């Protein structure tokens, strides 16, 4: 419904906390039926806000000649102009409507935040305390598979470090808990790792990489630099990814894993993009892994009950009760312990 779409864009200041530009542009779209009509072209299950903003960003990164580019730090603007970006944004969207709609129909909102690898490592450290067997790691919604390369990265959390000291990808995350930061090691041996995505990103394709860059909000330059370093490293040895719907692909993947052995199924900011009428099937496909294998279900998903920008890192082992490992913001700029109140 149009009213739902309007509310979604009106909530942009809350949903894009580190992008004042997107916060402002969301209110512009919410007040303009012409822009809402463009946003409504987003296919079901794809967030219209993120998709429209990424499509505009992608076109500007390709060609920053329009006046709108001056408002985007990612296009090289040292200082945005004074005034309101709304008129330039509206002009750009109306003039480039066919290209925007084509991008929105072809592309998806996909994993692009390398710092989420910190949560994967945190979860795997917990898995290592529960089993000493090698695990098979399956990431749902893997995009370019950058998180699958978690053990190639260097981590800095709460004054401690883990991972290869010479890694070109160094992930620094603030620890905001009341006690010491959690241990990110040791890790279990990984017998196999694979990612599943409706549209896996080819890390060797410049156009595919540009789309991932477009999904990063314009002000988040550090995040973009980290993504570029991870993509460069992955291009030398691309992760294994499989195209398809996890509901259909997951059973086939698990069938090739010896029965009874541990399987870690991981997803980060993925379930929200699953159409609501398919989420039960998504959940059931993961739970079904536990009928034949020792399942560890690790997730990082939005948790509105914890706050407007909070994500919960959760781990469920088999049929045991799910437990919360940590609370983070969506981009894992900070992590705190489960008992803390997110800021």
Protein backbone atom coordinates (compact mmCIF):
# COMPACT_ATOMS: atom_id res chain seq x y z
CA UNK A 1 0.00 0.00 0.00
CA UNK A 2 1.14 3.52 -0.77
CA UNK A 3 0.69 4.54 2.87
CA UNK A 4 3.06 1.75 3.98
CA UNK A 5 5.62 2.90 1.44
CA UNK A 6 5.26 6.48 2.61
CA UNK A 7 5.85 5.46 6.21
CA UNK A 8 8.89 3.43 5.21
CA UNK A 9 10.57 6.45 3.63
CA UNK A 10 9.39 8.76 6.41
CA UNK A 11 11.26 6.51 8.85
CA UNK A 12 14.54 6.98 6.94
CA UNK A 13 16.10 9.26 9.61
CA UNK A 14 15.74 6.36 12.04
CA UNK A 15 16.67 3.57 9.64
CA UNK A 16 19.77 5.27 8.20
CA UNK A 17 21.37 6.53 11.44
CA UNK A 18 24.83 7.15 9.95
CA UNK A 19 23.57 8.83 6.78
CA UNK A 20 22.05 12.28 7.33
CA UNK A 21 21.72 12.52 3.54
CA UNK A 22 19.53 9.42 3.26
CA UNK A 23 17.56 10.54 6.29
CA UNK A 24 16.71 13.79 4.53
CA UNK A 25 16.08 12.16 1.13
CA UNK A 26 13.71 9.67 2.72
CA UNK A 27 11.46 12.49 3.83
CA UNK A 28 11.66 13.97 0.32
CA UNK A 29 10.45 10.71 -1.23
CA UNK A 30 7.71 10.29 1.38
CA UNK A 31 6.22 13.65 0.36
CA UNK A 32 6.34 13.17 -3.42
CA UNK A 33 3.97 10.80 -5.21
CA UNK A 34 6.19 10.77 -8.31
CA UNK A 35 9.17 9.47 -6.32
CA UNK A 36 7.00 7.00 -4.43
CA UNK A 37 5.85 5.63 -7.78
CA UNK A 38 9.47 4.94 -8.71
CA UNK A 39 10.16 3.32 -5.33
CA UNK A 40 7.07 1.13 -5.79
CA UNK A 41 8.85 -0.60 -8.67
CA UNK A 42 10.98 -2.52 -6.16
CA UNK A 43 10.10 -6.24 -6.39
CA UNK A 44 8.48 -7.91 -3.38
CA UNK A 45 10.89 -8.67 -0.57
CA UNK A 46 13.41 -5.98 -1.56
CA UNK A 47 13.47 -2.95 0.72
CA UNK A 48 12.39 -0.01 -1.48
CA UNK A 49 14.36 2.53 0.56
CA UNK A 50 17.72 0.77 0.33
CA UNK A 51 17.11 -0.29 -3.26
CA UNK A 52 16.16 3.16 -4.57
CA UNK A 53 18.98 4.91 -2.73
CA UNK A 54 21.50 2.31 -3.95
CA UNK A 55 20.29 2.62 -7.55
CA UNK A 56 20.70 6.42 -7.44
CA UNK A 57 24.11 6.02 -5.81
CA UNK A 58 25.20 3.54 -8.49
CA UNK A 59 24.31 5.91 -11.33
CA UNK A 60 26.14 8.77 -9.61
CA UNK A 61 29.27 6.67 -9.04
CA UNK A 62 29.28 5.85 -12.75
CA UNK A 63 28.72 9.46 -13.79
CA UNK A 64 28.95 12.21 -11.14
CA UNK A 65 28.19 15.03 -13.58
CA UNK A 66 24.70 15.77 -12.20
CA UNK A 67 24.33 18.48 -9.55
CA UNK A 68 23.11 15.84 -7.10
CA UNK A 69 26.63 14.34 -6.89
CA UNK A 70 27.80 17.38 -4.93
CA UNK A 71 25.77 16.13 -1.96
CA UNK A 72 27.46 12.70 -1.94
CA UNK A 73 30.83 12.41 -0.10
CA UNK A 74 31.39 9.14 -2.01
CA UNK A 75 31.62 10.96 -5.35
CA UNK A 76 34.55 13.05 -4.23
CA UNK A 77 32.71 16.04 -2.78
CA UNK A 78 34.82 17.41 0.06
CA UNK A 79 31.99 19.50 1.46
CA UNK A 80 28.30 19.32 0.48
CA UNK A 81 26.72 22.60 -0.54
CA UNK A 82 24.45 24.57 1.74
CA UNK A 83 20.74 24.13 1.32
CA UNK A 84 18.40 21.27 0.56
CA UNK A 85 19.41 18.25 -1.61
CA UNK A 86 15.74 17.49 -2.26
CA UNK A 87 15.29 19.43 -5.53
CA UNK A 88 18.45 17.95 -7.09
CA UNK A 89 17.46 14.44 -5.98
CA UNK A 90 13.95 14.83 -7.38
CA UNK A 91 15.26 16.15 -10.70
CA UNK A 92 17.76 13.29 -10.96
CA UNK A 93 15.20 10.58 -10.20
CA UNK A 94 12.63 11.91 -12.65
CA UNK A 95 15.20 12.40 -15.41
CA UNK A 96 16.77 8.95 -14.91
CA UNK A 97 13.62 7.04 -14.04
CA UNK A 98 13.99 4.28 -16.71
CA UNK A 99 17.56 3.50 -15.61
CA UNK A 100 16.61 3.53 -11.94
CA UNK A 101 13.68 1.20 -12.46
CA UNK A 102 15.80 -1.18 -14.54
CA UNK A 103 18.44 -1.32 -11.79
CA UNK A 104 15.87 -1.84 -9.06
CA UNK A 105 14.25 -4.71 -10.93
CA UNK A 106 17.58 -6.39 -11.71
CA UNK A 107 19.49 -5.84 -8.49
CA UNK A 108 18.99 -6.78 -4.86
CA UNK A 109 19.86 -5.35 -1.46
CA UNK A 110 22.75 -7.62 -0.47
CA UNK A 111 25.34 -8.17 2.25
CA UNK A 112 28.07 -5.58 1.92
CA UNK A 113 29.24 -4.94 5.50
CA UNK A 114 32.58 -6.65 6.14
CA UNK A 115 32.50 -5.86 9.86
CA UNK A 116 29.71 -8.40 10.27
CA UNK A 117 32.48 -11.00 10.01
CA UNK A 118 33.18 -10.13 13.66
CA UNK A 119 29.85 -11.68 14.64
CA UNK A 120 30.53 -14.76 12.51
CA UNK A 121 33.86 -15.19 14.26
CA UNK A 122 32.23 -14.63 17.66
CA UNK A 123 29.66 -17.31 16.91
CA UNK A 124 32.21 -19.78 15.61
CA UNK A 125 34.28 -19.32 18.77
CA UNK A 126 31.15 -20.34 20.71
CA UNK A 127 30.71 -23.34 18.39
CA UNK A 128 34.31 -24.39 19.08
CA UNK A 129 33.50 -24.53 22.78
CA UNK A 130 30.61 -26.90 22.04
CA UNK A 131 32.31 -29.30 19.62
CA UNK A 132 35.84 -30.29 18.66
CA UNK A 133 34.77 -31.66 15.27
CA UNK A 134 35.37 -29.89 11.96
CA UNK A 135 32.30 -27.95 10.81
CA UNK A 136 30.67 -27.21 7.49
CA UNK A 137 29.84 -23.50 7.20
CA UNK A 138 26.90 -22.39 5.05
CA UNK A 139 26.05 -18.70 4.72
CA UNK A 140 22.59 -17.77 3.46
CA UNK A 141 22.46 -14.44 1.67
CA UNK A 142 26.21 -14.44 1.10
CA UNK A 143 26.33 -11.87 -1.71
CA UNK A 144 30.04 -11.83 -2.66
CA UNK A 145 30.98 -14.31 0.06
CA UNK A 146 33.19 -11.80 1.85
CA UNK A 147 32.12 -13.01 5.29
CA UNK A 148 33.08 -16.57 4.35
CA UNK A 149 36.68 -15.33 4.32
CA UNK A 150 36.41 -14.38 8.02
CA UNK A 151 39.61 -16.21 9.01
CA UNK A 152 41.69 -14.17 6.56
CA UNK A 153 40.93 -10.93 8.41
CA UNK A 154 42.54 -9.16 11.35
CA UNK A 155 40.22 -8.19 14.22
CA UNK A 156 40.54 -5.55 16.94
CA UNK A 157 37.92 -5.63 19.71
CA UNK A 158 38.18 -4.33 23.26
CA UNK A 159 41.95 -3.92 23.15
CA UNK A 160 42.58 -7.49 21.92
CA UNK A 161 43.48 -8.72 18.45
CA UNK A 162 42.96 -11.95 16.51
CA UNK A 163 43.77 -13.15 13.02
CA UNK A 164 46.74 -12.78 10.64
CA UNK A 165 48.79 -9.70 11.65
CA UNK A 166 49.63 -8.89 8.03
CA UNK A 167 46.06 -9.15 6.69
CA UNK A 168 45.12 -6.30 4.31
CA UNK A 169 41.65 -6.36 5.89
CA UNK A 170 41.65 -5.06 9.46
CA UNK A 171 38.31 -4.89 11.25
CA UNK A 172 38.11 -2.55 14.23
CA UNK A 173 34.92 -2.67 16.31
CA UNK A 174 34.19 -0.78 19.52
CA UNK A 175 33.39 -2.85 22.58
CA UNK A 176 30.73 -1.10 24.66
CA UNK A 177 29.93 -3.81 27.19
CA UNK A 178 30.33 -3.50 30.94
CA UNK A 179 32.79 -6.39 31.25
CA UNK A 180 35.70 -7.59 29.14
CA UNK A 181 35.17 -8.14 25.42
CA UNK A 182 34.30 -11.70 24.34
CA UNK A 183 37.01 -14.00 23.05
CA UNK A 184 37.02 -14.39 19.25
CA UNK A 185 39.00 -17.60 19.37
CA UNK A 186 39.92 -20.38 19.17
CA UNK A 187 37.91 -21.40 16.13
CA UNK A 188 36.71 -24.79 14.94
CA UNK A 189 38.33 -26.39 11.92
CA UNK A 190 36.25 -25.64 8.83
CA UNK A 191 35.89 -28.72 6.64
CA UNK A 192 33.97 -26.85 3.95
CA UNK A 193 32.39 -23.45 3.41
CA UNK A 194 29.86 -22.27 0.86
CA UNK A 195 27.52 -19.35 0.35
CA UNK A 196 23.98 -19.33 -1.04
CA UNK A 197 22.43 -16.26 -2.64
CA UNK A 198 19.67 -15.48 -5.11
CA UNK A 199 22.24 -13.48 -7.08
CA UNK A 200 25.82 -14.18 -5.96
CA UNK A 201 28.20 -11.33 -6.66
CA UNK A 202 31.19 -12.15 -8.87
CA UNK A 203 34.13 -10.58 -7.03
CA UNK A 204 36.13 -10.44 -10.27
CA UNK A 205 33.47 -8.39 -12.15
CA UNK A 206 33.89 -4.58 -11.85
CA UNK A 207 30.19 -3.92 -12.49
CA UNK A 208 29.16 -6.36 -9.76
CA UNK A 209 31.62 -4.77 -7.37
CA UNK A 210 30.25 -1.32 -8.20
CA UNK A 211 26.79 -2.44 -7.15
CA UNK A 212 28.12 -3.57 -3.76
CA UNK A 213 29.85 -0.22 -3.39
CA UNK A 214 26.57 1.52 -4.21
CA UNK A 215 24.85 -0.22 -1.30
CA UNK A 216 27.17 1.49 1.19
CA UNK A 217 25.73 4.77 2.38
CA UNK A 218 27.53 7.83 0.96
CA UNK A 219 29.00 9.05 4.26
CA UNK A 220 30.43 5.65 5.27
CA UNK A 221 33.84 6.00 3.63
CA UNK A 222 35.68 3.75 6.10
CA UNK A 223 33.18 0.96 5.44
CA UNK A 224 33.68 1.42 1.70
CA UNK A 225 37.47 1.21 2.03
CA UNK A 226 37.15 -1.98 4.09
CA UNK A 227 34.84 -3.51 1.51
CA UNK A 228 37.25 -2.61 -1.30
CA UNK A 229 40.14 -4.29 0.54
CA UNK A 230 38.07 -7.43 1.16
CA UNK A 231 36.92 -7.57 -2.46
CA UNK A 232 40.49 -7.22 -3.70
CA UNK A 233 41.63 -10.09 -1.47
CA UNK A 234 38.66 -12.27 -2.44
CA UNK A 235 39.21 -11.69 -6.16
CA UNK A 236 42.53 -13.53 -5.91
CA UNK A 237 40.73 -16.63 -4.58
CA UNK A 238 36.94 -16.28 -5.05
CA UNK A 239 34.74 -17.88 -2.38
CA UNK A 240 32.48 -20.75 -3.43
CA UNK A 241 28.92 -19.53 -3.88
CA UNK A 242 25.76 -21.11 -5.26
CA UNK A 243 22.88 -19.24 -6.92
CA UNK A 244 19.41 -20.10 -5.74
CA UNK A 245 16.76 -19.88 -3.05
CA UNK A 246 18.04 -21.27 0.25
CA UNK A 247 14.75 -23.12 0.77
CA UNK A 248 15.57 -25.28 -2.26
CA UNK A 249 19.38 -25.21 -2.15
CA UNK A 250 19.99 -25.90 1.56
CA UNK A 251 18.64 -29.48 1.54
CA UNK A 252 20.84 -30.35 -1.45
CA UNK A 253 23.93 -28.91 0.18
CA UNK A 254 23.36 -30.70 3.47
CA UNK A 255 22.76 -34.00 1.68
CA UNK A 256 26.44 -33.97 0.67
CA UNK A 257 27.62 -33.55 4.28
CA UNK A 258 28.17 -36.78 6.26
CA UNK A 259 25.18 -37.35 8.59
CA UNK A 260 25.66 -36.33 12.20
CA UNK A 261 28.54 -33.94 11.53
CA UNK A 262 28.30 -30.30 12.65
CA UNK A 263 26.79 -27.76 10.24
CA UNK A 264 26.85 -24.03 10.97
CA UNK A 265 24.12 -22.13 9.11
CA UNK A 266 24.75 -18.39 9.26
CA UNK A 267 22.86 -15.36 7.99
CA UNK A 268 23.26 -11.63 8.65
CA UNK A 269 20.64 -8.99 7.80
CA UNK A 270 19.10 -11.52 5.42
CA UNK A 271 15.79 -12.65 6.87
CA UNK A 272 14.33 -9.15 6.61
CA UNK A 273 14.69 -9.41 2.82
CA UNK A 274 12.77 -12.69 2.65
CA UNK A 275 9.14 -11.99 1.62
CA UNK A 276 6.89 -12.34 4.66
CA UNK A 277 4.90 -15.19 3.13
CA UNK A 278 8.11 -17.23 2.74
CA UNK A 279 9.74 -16.61 6.12
CA UNK A 280 8.21 -19.70 7.72
CA UNK A 281 9.66 -21.83 4.91
CA UNK A 282 13.03 -20.09 5.34
CA UNK A 283 13.04 -20.89 9.07
CA UNK A 284 11.91 -24.47 8.48
CA UNK A 285 14.63 -25.12 5.89
CA UNK A 286 17.24 -24.19 8.47
CA UNK A 287 15.60 -26.15 11.28
CA UNK A 288 15.41 -29.22 9.01
CA UNK A 289 19.21 -29.39 8.93
CA UNK A 290 19.07 -30.38 12.60
CA UNK A 291 17.17 -33.57 11.81
CA UNK A 292 20.19 -35.15 10.13
CA UNK A 293 23.15 -33.12 11.39
CA UNK A 294 24.43 -31.34 14.50
CA UNK A 295 23.02 -27.91 13.67
CA UNK A 296 24.39 -24.60 14.91
CA UNK A 297 22.13 -21.79 13.70
CA UNK A 298 23.94 -18.44 13.95
CA UNK A 299 22.19 -15.22 12.98
CA UNK A 300 22.58 -11.45 13.10
CA UNK A 301 19.24 -9.81 12.45
CA UNK A 302 17.43 -6.61 13.38
CA UNK A 303 15.75 -6.67 16.77
CA UNK A 304 13.28 -3.81 17.20
CA UNK A 305 12.48 -4.86 20.77
CA UNK A 306 16.07 -3.95 21.68
CA UNK A 307 15.93 -0.53 20.02
CA UNK A 308 15.48 1.11 16.62
CA UNK A 309 19.01 0.36 15.37
CA UNK A 310 19.90 -2.76 17.38
CA UNK A 311 20.78 -6.13 15.90
CA UNK A 312 20.91 -9.33 17.95
CA UNK A 313 23.59 -11.99 17.43
CA UNK A 314 21.94 -15.30 18.36
CA UNK A 315 23.06 -18.93 18.41
CA UNK A 316 20.87 -22.02 18.62
CA UNK A 317 22.43 -25.46 19.00
CA UNK A 318 20.10 -28.20 17.82
CA UNK A 319 16.82 -28.12 19.73
CA UNK A 320 18.28 -26.19 22.66
CA UNK A 321 16.96 -22.76 23.52
CA UNK A 322 18.32 -19.94 21.40
CA UNK A 323 20.77 -17.74 23.25
CA UNK A 324 21.86 -14.21 22.56
CA UNK A 325 25.61 -13.78 22.13
CA UNK A 326 25.77 -10.01 21.74
CA UNK A 327 23.96 -6.86 20.65
CA UNK A 328 25.32 -4.71 17.84
CA UNK A 329 24.33 -1.93 15.51
CA UNK A 330 23.50 -3.00 11.97
CA UNK A 331 26.99 -2.30 10.64
CA UNK A 332 28.78 -3.76 13.68
CA UNK A 333 30.56 -0.52 14.43
CA UNK A 334 30.00 -1.42 18.09
CA UNK A 335 29.22 -4.56 20.06
CA UNK A 336 27.90 -4.89 23.58
CA UNK A 337 26.98 -7.80 25.83
CA UNK A 338 23.47 -9.31 25.84
CA UNK A 339 22.57 -7.79 29.19
CA UNK A 340 23.31 -4.22 28.15
CA UNK A 341 20.82 -1.62 27.01
CA UNK A 342 21.70 -0.51 23.46
CA UNK A 343 22.31 3.19 23.12
